[in-house]
Protein backbone atom coordinates (compact mmCIF):
# COMPACT_ATOMS: atom_id res chain seq x y z
CA MET A 1 -0.71 7.20 -9.36
CA GLU A 2 -3.79 4.99 -8.92
CA ARG A 3 -3.38 2.28 -11.54
CA LEU A 4 -6.67 0.60 -10.65
CA ALA A 5 -8.98 3.62 -10.48
CA GLY A 6 -12.45 2.68 -11.68
CA LYS A 7 -11.87 -1.04 -11.10
CA THR A 8 -13.65 -3.33 -8.65
CA ALA A 9 -11.88 -6.22 -6.91
CA LEU A 10 -13.16 -9.17 -4.89
CA VAL A 11 -10.66 -10.72 -2.46
CA THR A 12 -11.63 -13.92 -0.65
CA GLY A 13 -10.13 -14.41 2.79
CA GLY A 14 -9.48 -10.67 2.89
CA GLY A 15 -9.79 -10.19 6.63
CA GLN A 16 -6.29 -11.25 7.60
CA GLY A 17 -2.84 -12.21 6.41
CA VAL A 18 -2.01 -12.21 2.72
CA GLY A 19 -5.63 -11.55 1.73
CA ARG A 20 -5.71 -8.46 3.91
CA GLY A 21 -2.40 -7.27 2.45
CA ILE A 22 -3.71 -7.72 -1.09
CA ALA A 23 -6.95 -5.88 -0.29
CA LEU A 24 -5.04 -2.96 1.23
CA ALA A 25 -2.73 -2.71 -1.77
CA LEU A 26 -5.54 -2.90 -4.34
CA ALA A 27 -7.46 -0.18 -2.51
CA ALA A 28 -4.33 1.99 -2.37
CA GLU A 29 -4.19 1.78 -6.18
CA GLY A 30 -7.75 3.08 -6.46
CA ALA A 31 -9.81 -0.09 -6.75
CA ALA A 32 -13.11 -0.49 -4.95
CA VAL A 33 -12.60 -3.63 -2.88
CA VAL A 34 -14.97 -6.27 -1.53
CA ILE A 35 -13.42 -8.54 1.09
CA THR A 36 -14.97 -11.81 2.16
CA GLY A 37 -14.37 -14.31 4.94
CA ARG A 38 -15.99 -16.29 7.70
CA THR A 39 -15.09 -13.96 10.59
CA GLU A 40 -16.94 -10.65 10.54
CA ASP A 41 -14.71 -8.89 13.07
CA LYS A 42 -11.59 -9.47 10.98
CA LEU A 43 -13.34 -8.20 7.87
CA LYS A 44 -14.53 -5.09 9.69
CA ASP A 45 -11.03 -4.38 10.95
CA THR A 46 -9.53 -4.56 7.47
CA ALA A 47 -12.39 -2.51 6.03
CA HIS A 48 -11.83 0.15 8.69
CA VAL A 49 -8.18 0.50 7.69
CA ILE A 50 -9.07 0.81 4.01
CA ALA A 51 -11.78 3.37 4.72
CA GLU A 52 -9.46 5.40 6.95
CA ARG A 53 -7.02 5.60 4.04
CA GLY A 54 -9.77 6.94 1.81
CA GLY A 55 -10.57 3.72 -0.03
CA ARG A 56 -13.91 2.24 -1.01
CA VAL A 57 -14.66 -1.10 0.62
CA ARG A 58 -17.47 -3.48 1.48
CA THR A 59 -17.49 -6.75 3.42
CA VAL A 60 -19.37 -9.98 2.78
CA VAL A 61 -19.41 -12.71 5.41
CA GLY A 62 -19.37 -16.19 3.93
CA ASP A 63 -17.56 -19.49 3.45
CA VAL A 64 -15.89 -20.14 0.09
CA GLY A 65 -16.41 -23.83 0.74
CA GLU A 66 -20.14 -23.26 0.19
CA ARG A 67 -21.08 -22.67 -3.44
CA ALA A 68 -24.14 -20.57 -2.55
CA ASP A 69 -21.92 -18.28 -0.48
CA VAL A 70 -19.50 -17.87 -3.38
CA ASP A 71 -22.32 -16.93 -5.75
CA ARG A 72 -23.58 -14.43 -3.17
CA MET A 73 -20.12 -12.87 -2.80
CA VAL A 74 -19.94 -12.23 -6.53
CA ALA A 75 -23.54 -11.01 -6.75
CA GLU A 76 -23.13 -8.57 -3.86
CA THR A 77 -19.90 -7.22 -5.35
CA VAL A 78 -21.61 -6.49 -8.66
CA ARG A 79 -24.69 -5.04 -6.98
CA GLU A 80 -22.61 -2.74 -4.77
CA PHE A 81 -20.09 -1.44 -7.30
CA GLY A 82 -21.65 -2.21 -10.68
CA GLY A 83 -19.18 -4.78 -11.93
CA LEU A 84 -16.21 -7.03 -11.18
CA ASP A 85 -12.79 -6.53 -12.77
CA VAL A 86 -10.39 -8.36 -10.45
CA LEU A 87 -10.97 -11.67 -8.67
CA VAL A 88 -8.42 -12.82 -6.09
CA ASN A 89 -8.96 -16.36 -4.83
CA ASN A 90 -6.95 -16.24 -1.62
CA ALA A 91 -9.00 -18.13 0.99
CA GLN A 92 -7.73 -21.61 1.85
CA SER A 93 -8.22 -23.97 4.77
CA SER A 94 -6.01 -27.00 5.37
CA VAL A 95 -4.52 -29.35 7.93
CA GLN A 96 -0.74 -29.73 7.92
CA CYS A 97 0.53 -33.24 8.61
CA ARG A 98 2.68 -35.88 6.98
CA LEU A 99 1.28 -37.94 4.12
CA GLU A 100 0.74 -41.15 6.08
CA GLU A 101 -1.25 -39.20 8.68
CA THR A 102 -3.37 -37.30 6.15
CA SER A 103 -7.04 -38.31 6.14
CA TYR A 104 -9.63 -38.10 3.39
CA ASP A 105 -11.34 -35.36 5.40
CA ASP A 106 -8.10 -33.35 5.37
CA VAL A 107 -7.91 -33.60 1.59
CA GLU A 108 -11.62 -32.82 1.17
CA LEU A 109 -11.28 -29.68 3.30
CA ALA A 110 -8.29 -28.45 1.31
CA TYR A 111 -10.00 -29.06 -2.03
CA ARG A 112 -13.39 -27.64 -1.04
CA SER A 113 -11.86 -24.40 0.26
CA GLY A 114 -9.15 -24.17 -2.41
CA PRO A 115 -9.51 -25.33 -6.03
CA LEU A 116 -13.26 -25.98 -5.87
CA ALA A 117 -13.85 -22.57 -4.30
CA ALA A 118 -11.67 -20.92 -6.97
CA PHE A 119 -13.51 -22.85 -9.69
CA HIS A 120 -16.91 -21.74 -8.40
CA ALA A 121 -15.82 -18.12 -8.00
CA MET A 122 -14.29 -17.99 -11.47
CA ARG A 123 -17.39 -19.51 -13.07
CA SER A 124 -19.68 -17.11 -11.19
CA ALA A 125 -17.52 -14.09 -12.02
CA LEU A 126 -16.97 -14.95 -15.70
CA PRO A 127 -19.77 -12.83 -17.25
CA HIS A 128 -18.56 -9.78 -15.35
CA LEU A 129 -14.88 -10.43 -16.07
CA LYS A 130 -15.75 -10.72 -19.76
CA ALA A 131 -17.48 -7.35 -19.70
CA GLY A 132 -14.41 -5.59 -18.32
CA ARG A 133 -11.66 -7.80 -19.78
CA GLY A 134 -10.72 -8.54 -16.18
CA SER A 135 -8.05 -10.42 -14.32
CA VAL A 136 -7.96 -13.40 -11.94
CA VAL A 137 -5.22 -14.08 -9.41
CA ASN A 138 -5.22 -17.46 -7.70
CA LEU A 139 -3.01 -18.16 -4.70
CA GLY A 140 -0.63 -21.09 -5.00
CA SER A 141 2.29 -22.08 -2.79
CA SER A 142 5.99 -22.83 -3.12
CA ALA A 143 5.36 -25.64 -0.63
CA ALA A 144 3.31 -27.29 -3.37
CA VAL A 145 5.54 -26.38 -6.31
CA GLN A 146 8.60 -27.89 -4.64
CA GLY A 147 6.89 -30.47 -2.41
CA GLU A 148 7.37 -29.58 1.24
CA ALA A 149 7.17 -32.39 3.81
CA GLY A 150 4.12 -32.17 6.06
CA PHE A 151 1.88 -30.42 3.51
CA ALA A 152 0.28 -33.30 1.60
CA ALA A 153 -3.35 -32.13 1.38
CA TYR A 154 -2.35 -28.48 1.03
CA ALA A 155 0.11 -29.21 -1.77
CA MET A 156 -2.44 -31.31 -3.64
CA ALA A 157 -4.98 -28.50 -3.49
CA LYS A 158 -2.55 -25.76 -4.45
CA GLU A 159 -1.24 -27.64 -7.49
CA ALA A 160 -4.84 -28.26 -8.58
CA ILE A 161 -5.31 -24.49 -8.48
CA ARG A 162 -2.31 -24.04 -10.75
CA GLY A 163 -3.75 -26.53 -13.24
CA LEU A 164 -7.10 -24.73 -13.20
CA THR A 165 -5.30 -21.44 -13.76
CA ARG A 166 -3.38 -22.63 -16.81
CA VAL A 167 -6.53 -24.00 -18.47
CA ALA A 168 -8.50 -20.83 -17.74
CA ALA A 169 -5.71 -18.65 -19.13
CA ARG A 170 -5.91 -20.49 -22.46
CA GLU A 171 -9.71 -20.69 -22.65
CA TRP A 172 -10.42 -17.18 -21.41
CA GLY A 173 -7.60 -15.37 -23.19
CA PRO A 174 -9.83 -14.68 -26.20
CA TYR A 175 -12.16 -12.78 -23.84
CA GLY A 176 -9.27 -10.56 -22.79
CA ILE A 177 -9.24 -12.16 -19.31
CA ARG A 178 -5.85 -12.87 -17.75
CA VAL A 179 -5.46 -15.62 -15.14
CA ASN A 180 -2.27 -16.01 -13.09
CA VAL A 181 -0.98 -17.62 -9.91
CA VAL A 182 0.97 -16.00 -7.10
CA CYS A 183 2.96 -18.15 -4.66
CA PRO A 184 3.74 -16.01 -1.59
CA ALA A 185 5.92 -16.54 1.45
CA ALA A 186 4.65 -13.96 3.90
CA LEU A 187 4.45 -13.53 7.65
CA SER A 188 0.71 -14.07 7.90
CA PRO A 189 -1.19 -15.20 11.04
CA ALA A 190 -1.11 -18.75 9.65
CA ALA A 191 2.66 -18.58 9.27
CA GLU A 192 3.03 -17.09 12.74
CA ALA A 193 0.92 -19.88 14.22
CA TYR A 194 2.96 -22.50 12.34
CA PHE A 195 6.22 -21.07 13.67
CA ALA A 196 4.80 -20.74 17.19
CA ALA A 197 4.04 -24.46 17.18
CA ARG A 198 7.48 -25.21 15.73
CA PRO A 199 9.87 -22.58 17.11
CA ASP A 200 12.93 -24.48 15.86
CA GLN A 201 11.68 -24.09 12.31
CA ALA A 202 11.42 -20.29 12.25
CA GLU A 203 15.14 -19.58 12.19
CA LYS A 204 15.71 -22.33 9.64
CA VAL A 205 13.05 -20.93 7.32
CA VAL A 206 14.42 -17.39 7.42
CA ALA A 207 17.96 -18.72 6.98
CA GLY A 208 16.75 -20.44 3.82
CA ILE A 209 15.55 -17.17 2.25
CA PRO A 210 18.35 -15.35 0.42
CA LEU A 211 16.64 -11.99 1.02
CA GLY A 212 16.83 -12.71 4.76
CA ARG A 213 13.18 -12.21 5.73
CA MET A 214 9.61 -13.35 5.23
CA GLY A 215 7.54 -11.17 2.93
CA ASP A 216 5.19 -8.47 4.16
CA PRO A 217 1.56 -9.24 3.20
CA GLU A 218 0.87 -5.74 1.93
CA THR A 219 4.11 -4.23 0.67
CA ASP A 220 5.69 -7.38 -0.75
CA ILE A 221 2.70 -9.48 -1.79
CA GLY A 222 -0.17 -7.02 -2.11
CA ARG A 223 1.68 -4.47 -4.19
CA ALA A 224 2.92 -7.21 -6.52
CA VAL A 225 -0.66 -8.39 -7.04
CA ALA A 226 -1.78 -4.81 -7.69
CA ALA A 227 0.88 -4.53 -10.38
CA LEU A 228 -0.05 -7.94 -11.80
CA VAL A 229 -3.71 -7.00 -12.37
CA SER A 230 -2.87 -3.56 -13.76
CA GLU A 231 -2.24 -2.64 -17.39
CA ASP A 232 1.48 -2.71 -16.60
CA MET A 233 1.31 -6.54 -16.83
CA ALA A 234 -1.31 -6.74 -19.59
CA TYR A 235 0.56 -9.42 -21.57
CA LEU A 236 1.14 -11.88 -18.71
CA THR A 237 -1.27 -14.79 -18.31
CA GLY A 238 -1.07 -18.45 -17.33
CA ALA A 239 2.02 -17.68 -15.27
CA THR A 240 3.13 -18.56 -11.75
CA LEU A 241 4.77 -15.64 -9.96
CA MET A 242 7.01 -16.84 -7.12
CA LEU A 243 6.95 -14.20 -4.37
CA GLU A 244 8.96 -16.15 -1.82
CA GLY A 245 12.44 -14.65 -1.86
CA SER A 246 13.85 -17.78 -3.53
CA ARG A 247 13.04 -19.71 -0.34
CA ARG A 248 14.81 -23.04 0.15
CA LEU A 249 12.30 -25.53 1.58
CA LEU A 250 12.97 -27.75 4.57
CA GLY A 251 12.85 -31.50 4.16
């Protein structure tokens, strides 16, 4: 059953990792999907997989840290598919280091690509979300919720996203728009790179997950997001959905 047939979704950072998994899952449920990102080859690869599966997909190259690019992403989505029902703010850049080593530039990068990008996308998408009583999913992080060492700028940005989400859920609820946060723990390229640089951490992280594994970007995270934006979850808004296997963070 295609729960999202007739819907259009925009997924930022959809060329790889969790964003790719979400895009694949939304398309599998019948949504027309627009994926955005800075690297065209990655977008084309994801789009090829969606198209091979029979889905409808378009790509838009751009940087969510640039407001003009964000406005263009939304405009091209609406022009291509006639509307916008689901907005997934997934893209995020950051530098991982301990608090005393974190620079202003590190914080600025995390905020510009995270909460400010989500803010701009939500504002730009609002008229279209109103028209279809749409849904927004913003990506948070358990590293921010619980405060993981070495993630100062990232945690600041991700908690700002959660604050933005809660306000939007209250203000936009009367329009029929739902706004929620998902905090995933998935084996994305970023996670793989992190573990490659810290091989001693990988076993510790998995050992701290009661389910015994990192999540799969499509089947564990993507399908949950597809359910979240469907009518099956029509009464949930302003919530944070922890998709991290009850992970115990390292100090």
